[in-house]
Amino acid sequence: MDNVQKSLLSGLTGAIALTLLHETVRRFVPEAPRADILGMRAIAKGYKAANKELPDEDTLHQMALAGDVVSNSLYYSLVGLSKGKDTMLFGAALGALAGVGALVLPGPMKLGEAPTNRTRETMAMTVAWYFIGGIAAAGAYELLDE
C-alpha cells in the first residue's frame, strides 16, 4: 500500500472515530459539542445563496454528517506527511489544531458559536474529540505502516 492510500485510509479512520464520538455523546450529554449543527448551517447557507429550497432536517443532517466525514478524512489524512516519524505527535497536533479551529472559526464564518462554545465543558469536549480523531488517524497510519 502506498503512502497516499495509507494516508487516506488513516484520515477516514480518524474522521469516523470523531463522527461516532460526536454523534454518540450528543445523545447523552446536553453540553456535548454539536458539529452537526455547524455543518447543517453551512449547507443551508449554500442552499440559500443558490436560491434553492432546503432539504428536510433529516436529509440536511445526513448531508452534514457526510460532509464532516469527507472533509475530516481529508484533513486527518495529513498524518501521512509524518512519513512514519513521530506520527502520534503529528496526529495529536493535527487533532488539537482542528479542535481549536472548531472553537474559533464558526463565529467569523457566521455559523454561530454555541454549537462548540456553549460552556467550558462543550469547549473542552470539542478540542478533546478532534484530538482523539487525530490520535485515531495516527494510530491507523502506524498500523498500516508496519
N, C-alpha and C. Protein backbone atom coordinates (compact mmCIF):
# COMPACT_ATOMS: atom_id res chain seq x y z
N MET A 1 0.86 -1.17 0.00
CA MET A 1 0.00 0.00 0.00
C MET A 1 0.91 1.24 0.00
N ASP A 2 0.64 2.18 -0.89
CA ASP A 2 1.48 3.37 -0.94
C ASP A 2 1.08 4.39 0.12
N ASN A 3 1.89 5.43 0.26
CA ASN A 3 1.68 6.41 1.32
C ASN A 3 0.36 7.16 1.17
N VAL A 4 -0.05 7.45 -0.06
CA VAL A 4 -1.31 8.17 -0.27
C VAL A 4 -2.49 7.31 0.20
N GLN A 5 -2.48 6.05 -0.14
CA GLN A 5 -3.56 5.15 0.30
C GLN A 5 -3.57 5.03 1.82
N LYS A 6 -2.40 4.86 2.42
CA LYS A 6 -2.32 4.77 3.89
C LYS A 6 -2.83 6.06 4.52
N SER A 7 -2.46 7.17 3.95
CA SER A 7 -2.87 8.47 4.49
C SER A 7 -4.38 8.64 4.42
N LEU A 8 -4.95 8.32 3.26
CA LEU A 8 -6.40 8.49 3.10
C LEU A 8 -7.19 7.54 4.00
N LEU A 9 -6.74 6.31 4.10
CA LEU A 9 -7.42 5.35 4.97
C LEU A 9 -7.28 5.75 6.43
N SER A 10 -6.13 6.26 6.81
CA SER A 10 -5.92 6.74 8.17
C SER A 10 -6.80 7.95 8.45
N GLY A 11 -6.88 8.85 7.50
CA GLY A 11 -7.75 10.02 7.65
C GLY A 11 -9.20 9.63 7.82
N LEU A 12 -9.64 8.65 7.04
CA LEU A 12 -11.01 8.15 7.17
C LEU A 12 -11.24 7.55 8.55
N THR A 13 -10.25 6.83 9.06
CA THR A 13 -10.36 6.25 10.39
C THR A 13 -10.54 7.34 11.45
N GLY A 14 -9.74 8.38 11.37
CA GLY A 14 -9.86 9.49 12.32
C GLY A 14 -11.20 10.19 12.21
N ALA A 15 -11.66 10.39 10.98
CA ALA A 15 -12.94 11.08 10.76
C ALA A 15 -14.11 10.25 11.28
N ILE A 16 -14.07 8.96 11.07
CA ILE A 16 -15.15 8.10 11.56
C ILE A 16 -15.14 8.06 13.09
N ALA A 17 -13.95 7.98 13.68
CA ALA A 17 -13.86 8.00 15.15
C ALA A 17 -14.45 9.29 15.69
N LEU A 18 -14.10 10.41 15.09
CA LEU A 18 -14.62 11.71 15.51
C LEU A 18 -16.14 11.77 15.38
N THR A 19 -16.66 11.37 14.24
CA THR A 19 -18.10 11.44 13.99
C THR A 19 -18.87 10.52 14.93
N LEU A 20 -18.37 9.31 15.14
CA LEU A 20 -19.04 8.40 16.08
C LEU A 20 -19.05 8.97 17.48
N LEU A 21 -17.97 9.58 17.89
CA LEU A 21 -17.89 10.19 19.21
C LEU A 21 -18.89 11.34 19.32
N HIS A 22 -18.88 12.24 18.36
CA HIS A 22 -19.83 13.36 18.35
C HIS A 22 -21.27 12.86 18.42
N GLU A 23 -21.60 11.96 17.53
CA GLU A 23 -22.99 11.50 17.42
C GLU A 23 -23.45 10.68 18.62
N THR A 24 -22.55 9.95 19.24
CA THR A 24 -22.93 9.15 20.41
C THR A 24 -23.09 10.04 21.64
N VAL A 25 -22.09 10.84 21.92
CA VAL A 25 -22.10 11.65 23.14
C VAL A 25 -23.22 12.68 23.13
N ARG A 26 -23.52 13.27 21.97
CA ARG A 26 -24.55 14.31 21.92
C ARG A 26 -25.93 13.78 22.33
N ARG A 27 -26.13 12.49 22.21
CA ARG A 27 -27.42 11.89 22.58
C ARG A 27 -27.58 11.75 24.10
N PHE A 28 -26.47 11.80 24.82
CA PHE A 28 -26.50 11.56 26.26
C PHE A 28 -26.03 12.74 27.11
N VAL A 29 -25.28 13.66 26.52
CA VAL A 29 -24.69 14.75 27.29
C VAL A 29 -25.17 16.09 26.71
N PRO A 30 -25.99 16.83 27.47
CA PRO A 30 -26.53 18.10 26.94
C PRO A 30 -25.47 19.12 26.54
N GLU A 31 -24.31 19.10 27.19
CA GLU A 31 -23.25 20.07 26.88
C GLU A 31 -22.36 19.63 25.72
N ALA A 32 -22.64 18.50 25.15
CA ALA A 32 -21.78 17.97 24.08
C ALA A 32 -21.73 18.93 22.90
N PRO A 33 -20.57 18.98 22.23
CA PRO A 33 -20.47 19.81 21.03
C PRO A 33 -21.42 19.32 19.95
N ARG A 34 -21.84 20.25 19.10
CA ARG A 34 -22.77 19.91 18.03
C ARG A 34 -22.20 20.35 16.68
N ALA A 35 -21.14 19.66 16.26
CA ALA A 35 -20.55 19.94 14.95
C ALA A 35 -21.55 19.70 13.84
N ASP A 36 -22.49 18.78 14.07
CA ASP A 36 -23.51 18.50 13.06
C ASP A 36 -24.35 19.74 12.77
N ILE A 37 -24.63 20.53 13.80
CA ILE A 37 -25.41 21.76 13.60
C ILE A 37 -24.61 22.77 12.77
N LEU A 38 -23.31 22.87 13.04
CA LEU A 38 -22.49 23.76 12.22
C LEU A 38 -22.52 23.34 10.76
N GLY A 39 -22.41 22.03 10.52
CA GLY A 39 -22.48 21.52 9.15
C GLY A 39 -23.81 21.80 8.49
N MET A 40 -24.88 21.61 9.24
CA MET A 40 -26.22 21.88 8.70
C MET A 40 -26.37 23.36 8.34
N ARG A 41 -25.86 24.22 9.20
CA ARG A 41 -25.94 25.66 8.94
C ARG A 41 -25.13 26.04 7.71
N ALA A 42 -23.96 25.44 7.55
CA ALA A 42 -23.12 25.74 6.39
C ALA A 42 -23.81 25.30 5.09
N ILE A 43 -24.40 24.11 5.12
CA ILE A 43 -25.11 23.62 3.94
C ILE A 43 -26.32 24.51 3.64
N ALA A 44 -27.05 24.89 4.67
CA ALA A 44 -28.22 25.76 4.50
C ALA A 44 -27.82 27.09 3.87
N LYS A 45 -26.68 27.64 4.30
CA LYS A 45 -26.20 28.89 3.71
C LYS A 45 -25.96 28.73 2.21
N GLY A 46 -25.39 27.59 1.83
CA GLY A 46 -25.15 27.33 0.42
C GLY A 46 -26.44 27.24 -0.38
N TYR A 47 -27.41 26.54 0.17
CA TYR A 47 -28.72 26.43 -0.49
C TYR A 47 -29.36 27.80 -0.64
N LYS A 48 -29.31 28.60 0.42
CA LYS A 48 -29.93 29.93 0.37
C LYS A 48 -29.21 30.81 -0.65
N ALA A 49 -27.89 30.74 -0.70
CA ALA A 49 -27.13 31.55 -1.65
C ALA A 49 -27.47 31.16 -3.09
N ALA A 50 -27.81 29.89 -3.30
CA ALA A 50 -28.17 29.41 -4.64
C ALA A 50 -29.66 29.52 -4.90
N ASN A 51 -30.39 30.12 -3.97
CA ASN A 51 -31.85 30.25 -4.08
C ASN A 51 -32.54 28.91 -4.29
N LYS A 52 -32.06 27.90 -3.58
CA LYS A 52 -32.64 26.56 -3.67
C LYS A 52 -33.41 26.27 -2.39
N GLU A 53 -34.41 25.43 -2.52
CA GLU A 53 -35.20 25.03 -1.36
C GLU A 53 -34.38 24.08 -0.48
N LEU A 54 -34.42 24.33 0.82
CA LEU A 54 -33.67 23.49 1.76
C LEU A 54 -34.27 22.09 1.82
N PRO A 55 -33.44 21.08 1.93
CA PRO A 55 -33.97 19.73 2.17
C PRO A 55 -34.54 19.66 3.58
N ASP A 56 -35.29 18.59 3.86
CA ASP A 56 -35.84 18.43 5.21
C ASP A 56 -34.70 18.25 6.20
N GLU A 57 -35.01 18.41 7.49
CA GLU A 57 -33.98 18.41 8.53
C GLU A 57 -33.19 17.10 8.58
N ASP A 58 -33.87 15.96 8.42
CA ASP A 58 -33.15 14.68 8.44
C ASP A 58 -32.14 14.58 7.29
N THR A 59 -32.56 14.99 6.11
CA THR A 59 -31.66 14.97 4.95
C THR A 59 -30.51 15.94 5.15
N LEU A 60 -30.81 17.12 5.68
CA LEU A 60 -29.78 18.11 5.95
C LEU A 60 -28.76 17.55 6.96
N HIS A 61 -29.25 16.85 7.97
CA HIS A 61 -28.36 16.25 8.98
C HIS A 61 -27.48 15.19 8.34
N GLN A 62 -28.04 14.34 7.51
CA GLN A 62 -27.25 13.30 6.83
C GLN A 62 -26.21 13.91 5.92
N MET A 63 -26.58 14.98 5.23
CA MET A 63 -25.63 15.67 4.35
C MET A 63 -24.49 16.26 5.18
N ALA A 64 -24.82 16.83 6.33
CA ALA A 64 -23.80 17.42 7.19
C ALA A 64 -22.84 16.35 7.70
N LEU A 65 -23.37 15.21 8.12
CA LEU A 65 -22.51 14.13 8.60
C LEU A 65 -21.59 13.62 7.48
N ALA A 66 -22.16 13.45 6.29
CA ALA A 66 -21.34 13.01 5.15
C ALA A 66 -20.25 14.03 4.84
N GLY A 67 -20.63 15.31 4.85
CA GLY A 67 -19.64 16.36 4.60
C GLY A 67 -18.55 16.39 5.66
N ASP A 68 -18.96 16.18 6.92
CA ASP A 68 -17.98 16.13 8.00
C ASP A 68 -16.99 14.98 7.80
N VAL A 69 -17.51 13.81 7.44
CA VAL A 69 -16.63 12.65 7.26
C VAL A 69 -15.66 12.90 6.11
N VAL A 70 -16.16 13.44 5.01
CA VAL A 70 -15.28 13.69 3.86
C VAL A 70 -14.22 14.74 4.19
N SER A 71 -14.65 15.88 4.73
CA SER A 71 -13.68 16.95 5.00
C SER A 71 -12.71 16.56 6.10
N ASN A 72 -13.20 15.92 7.15
CA ASN A 72 -12.29 15.50 8.23
C ASN A 72 -11.36 14.38 7.77
N SER A 73 -11.83 13.51 6.88
CA SER A 73 -10.96 12.47 6.32
C SER A 73 -9.79 13.10 5.59
N LEU A 74 -10.08 14.07 4.76
CA LEU A 74 -9.01 14.74 4.01
C LEU A 74 -8.05 15.46 4.95
N TYR A 75 -8.61 16.13 5.95
CA TYR A 75 -7.75 16.83 6.91
C TYR A 75 -6.87 15.85 7.68
N TYR A 76 -7.48 14.83 8.28
CA TYR A 76 -6.70 13.87 9.07
C TYR A 76 -5.73 13.05 8.21
N SER A 77 -5.97 12.98 6.90
CA SER A 77 -5.03 12.25 6.05
C SER A 77 -3.67 12.94 5.98
N LEU A 78 -3.61 14.18 6.43
CA LEU A 78 -2.33 14.88 6.50
C LEU A 78 -1.36 14.17 7.43
N VAL A 79 -1.86 13.24 8.25
CA VAL A 79 -0.99 12.47 9.14
C VAL A 79 0.08 11.74 8.34
N GLY A 80 -0.19 11.46 7.09
CA GLY A 80 0.78 10.78 6.23
C GLY A 80 2.02 11.63 5.95
N LEU A 81 1.92 12.93 6.15
CA LEU A 81 3.09 13.79 5.97
C LEU A 81 4.18 13.48 6.99
N SER A 82 3.79 12.81 8.06
CA SER A 82 4.79 12.44 9.08
C SER A 82 5.75 11.38 8.56
N LYS A 83 5.32 10.63 7.54
CA LYS A 83 6.13 9.57 6.93
C LYS A 83 6.72 8.62 7.96
N GLY A 84 5.93 8.31 8.98
CA GLY A 84 6.34 7.33 9.97
C GLY A 84 7.23 7.87 11.09
N LYS A 85 7.49 9.17 11.08
CA LYS A 85 8.34 9.76 12.12
C LYS A 85 7.45 10.59 13.05
N ASP A 86 7.46 10.24 14.33
CA ASP A 86 6.65 10.97 15.32
C ASP A 86 5.19 11.07 14.88
N THR A 87 4.67 10.00 14.33
CA THR A 87 3.31 10.01 13.80
C THR A 87 2.28 10.35 14.86
N MET A 88 2.41 9.79 16.05
CA MET A 88 1.44 10.07 17.11
C MET A 88 1.45 11.55 17.50
N LEU A 89 2.63 12.11 17.60
CA LEU A 89 2.74 13.53 17.93
C LEU A 89 2.12 14.38 16.81
N PHE A 90 2.37 14.00 15.58
CA PHE A 90 1.82 14.72 14.43
C PHE A 90 0.29 14.62 14.43
N GLY A 91 -0.24 13.42 14.67
CA GLY A 91 -1.69 13.23 14.73
C GLY A 91 -2.31 14.02 15.88
N ALA A 92 -1.64 14.03 17.03
CA ALA A 92 -2.14 14.79 18.18
C ALA A 92 -2.20 16.28 17.86
N ALA A 93 -1.14 16.77 17.19
CA ALA A 93 -1.11 18.18 16.81
C ALA A 93 -2.20 18.51 15.81
N LEU A 94 -2.41 17.64 14.82
CA LEU A 94 -3.50 17.85 13.86
C LEU A 94 -4.84 17.92 14.57
N GLY A 95 -5.06 16.98 15.49
CA GLY A 95 -6.33 16.94 16.22
C GLY A 95 -6.53 18.17 17.07
N ALA A 96 -5.49 18.57 17.81
CA ALA A 96 -5.60 19.75 18.67
C ALA A 96 -5.88 21.01 17.84
N LEU A 97 -5.18 21.15 16.71
CA LEU A 97 -5.42 22.31 15.84
C LEU A 97 -6.84 22.32 15.28
N ALA A 98 -7.33 21.16 14.91
CA ALA A 98 -8.71 21.08 14.41
C ALA A 98 -9.70 21.46 15.52
N GLY A 99 -9.43 21.01 16.74
CA GLY A 99 -10.31 21.35 17.86
C GLY A 99 -10.33 22.84 18.13
N VAL A 100 -9.16 23.47 18.10
CA VAL A 100 -9.10 24.92 18.29
C VAL A 100 -9.82 25.62 17.14
N GLY A 101 -9.64 25.13 15.94
CA GLY A 101 -10.35 25.69 14.79
C GLY A 101 -11.86 25.59 14.94
N ALA A 102 -12.33 24.48 15.50
CA ALA A 102 -13.77 24.30 15.71
C ALA A 102 -14.32 25.26 16.75
N LEU A 103 -13.45 25.77 17.61
CA LEU A 103 -13.87 26.78 18.59
C LEU A 103 -13.85 28.18 17.99
N VAL A 104 -12.83 28.46 17.18
CA VAL A 104 -12.56 29.82 16.73
C VAL A 104 -13.27 30.18 15.42
N LEU A 105 -13.40 29.25 14.49
CA LEU A 105 -13.87 29.59 13.15
C LEU A 105 -15.38 29.76 12.96
N PRO A 106 -16.24 29.04 13.68
CA PRO A 106 -17.67 29.17 13.40
C PRO A 106 -18.21 30.60 13.53
N GLY A 107 -17.74 31.38 14.51
CA GLY A 107 -18.21 32.76 14.67
C GLY A 107 -17.92 33.60 13.45
N PRO A 108 -16.64 33.72 13.04
CA PRO A 108 -16.33 34.51 11.86
C PRO A 108 -16.99 33.99 10.57
N MET A 109 -17.29 32.68 10.55
CA MET A 109 -17.95 32.11 9.37
C MET A 109 -19.46 32.31 9.42
N LYS A 110 -19.92 32.98 10.49
CA LYS A 110 -21.34 33.28 10.70
C LYS A 110 -22.20 32.01 10.78
N LEU A 111 -21.63 30.99 11.45
CA LEU A 111 -22.36 29.74 11.68
C LEU A 111 -22.85 29.65 13.13
N GLY A 112 -22.50 30.62 13.94
CA GLY A 112 -22.87 30.63 15.34
C GLY A 112 -21.79 29.97 16.18
N GLU A 113 -21.68 30.42 17.41
CA GLU A 113 -20.63 29.90 18.28
C GLU A 113 -21.13 28.84 19.27
N ALA A 114 -22.42 28.85 19.57
CA ALA A 114 -22.96 27.97 20.61
C ALA A 114 -22.70 26.48 20.38
N PRO A 115 -22.76 25.97 19.16
CA PRO A 115 -22.57 24.52 19.00
C PRO A 115 -21.24 23.99 19.54
N THR A 116 -20.21 24.81 19.57
CA THR A 116 -18.92 24.35 20.08
C THR A 116 -18.42 25.17 21.27
N ASN A 117 -19.09 26.26 21.61
CA ASN A 117 -18.61 27.17 22.65
C ASN A 117 -19.62 27.44 23.77
N ARG A 118 -20.70 26.69 23.85
CA ARG A 118 -21.76 26.96 24.83
C ARG A 118 -21.26 27.08 26.25
N THR A 119 -20.49 26.10 26.67
CA THR A 119 -19.99 26.05 28.05
C THR A 119 -18.52 25.65 28.01
N ARG A 120 -17.87 25.75 29.16
CA ARG A 120 -16.48 25.30 29.22
C ARG A 120 -16.38 23.80 28.91
N GLU A 121 -17.38 23.06 29.37
CA GLU A 121 -17.41 21.62 29.10
C GLU A 121 -17.52 21.36 27.60
N THR A 122 -18.37 22.14 26.93
CA THR A 122 -18.54 22.00 25.48
C THR A 122 -17.22 22.28 24.76
N MET A 123 -16.56 23.35 25.19
CA MET A 123 -15.29 23.70 24.55
C MET A 123 -14.23 22.62 24.80
N ALA A 124 -14.18 22.10 26.01
CA ALA A 124 -13.19 21.05 26.32
C ALA A 124 -13.48 19.79 25.51
N MET A 125 -14.75 19.41 25.41
CA MET A 125 -15.10 18.23 24.63
C MET A 125 -14.79 18.44 23.15
N THR A 126 -15.05 19.65 22.64
CA THR A 126 -14.76 19.94 21.24
C THR A 126 -13.30 19.67 20.92
N VAL A 127 -12.42 20.26 21.70
CA VAL A 127 -10.98 20.06 21.46
C VAL A 127 -10.61 18.59 21.66
N ALA A 128 -11.15 17.97 22.71
CA ALA A 128 -10.83 16.56 23.00
C ALA A 128 -11.27 15.64 21.87
N TRP A 129 -12.46 15.85 21.32
CA TRP A 129 -12.96 14.95 20.27
C TRP A 129 -12.07 15.04 19.04
N TYR A 130 -11.71 16.25 18.62
CA TYR A 130 -10.85 16.38 17.45
C TYR A 130 -9.46 15.81 17.72
N PHE A 131 -8.97 16.00 18.95
CA PHE A 131 -7.70 15.43 19.36
C PHE A 131 -7.75 13.90 19.23
N ILE A 132 -8.83 13.30 19.71
CA ILE A 132 -9.00 11.84 19.62
C ILE A 132 -9.03 11.41 18.15
N GLY A 133 -9.68 12.19 17.30
CA GLY A 133 -9.68 11.88 15.87
C GLY A 133 -8.28 11.87 15.30
N GLY A 134 -7.46 12.83 15.71
CA GLY A 134 -6.06 12.88 15.26
C GLY A 134 -5.26 11.69 15.74
N ILE A 135 -5.50 11.29 16.99
CA ILE A 135 -4.81 10.12 17.54
C ILE A 135 -5.25 8.85 16.81
N ALA A 136 -6.55 8.75 16.52
CA ALA A 136 -7.06 7.58 15.78
C ALA A 136 -6.44 7.51 14.39
N ALA A 137 -6.33 8.65 13.72
CA ALA A 137 -5.71 8.68 12.39
C ALA A 137 -4.25 8.27 12.47
N ALA A 138 -3.54 8.78 13.48
CA ALA A 138 -2.13 8.43 13.64
C ALA A 138 -1.96 6.95 13.96
N GLY A 139 -2.83 6.42 14.82
CA GLY A 139 -2.76 5.00 15.16
C GLY A 139 -3.00 4.13 13.95
N ALA A 140 -3.98 4.51 13.14
CA ALA A 140 -4.26 3.75 11.92
C ALA A 140 -3.07 3.81 10.97
N TYR A 141 -2.48 4.99 10.84
CA TYR A 141 -1.32 5.14 9.96
C TYR A 141 -0.18 4.23 10.43
N GLU A 142 0.08 4.22 11.72
CA GLU A 142 1.16 3.38 12.24
C GLU A 142 0.88 1.91 11.99
N LEU A 143 -0.37 1.49 12.16
CA LEU A 143 -0.73 0.09 11.91
C LEU A 143 -0.53 -0.27 10.43
N LEU A 144 -0.94 0.64 9.56
CA LEU A 144 -0.82 0.39 8.12
C LEU A 144 0.63 0.48 7.64
N ASP A 145 1.46 1.16 8.42
CA ASP A 145 2.85 1.37 8.03
C ASP A 145 3.75 0.20 8.42
N GLU A 146 3.20 -0.80 9.12
CA GLU A 146 4.00 -1.94 9.55
C GLU A 146 4.29 -2.89 8.42
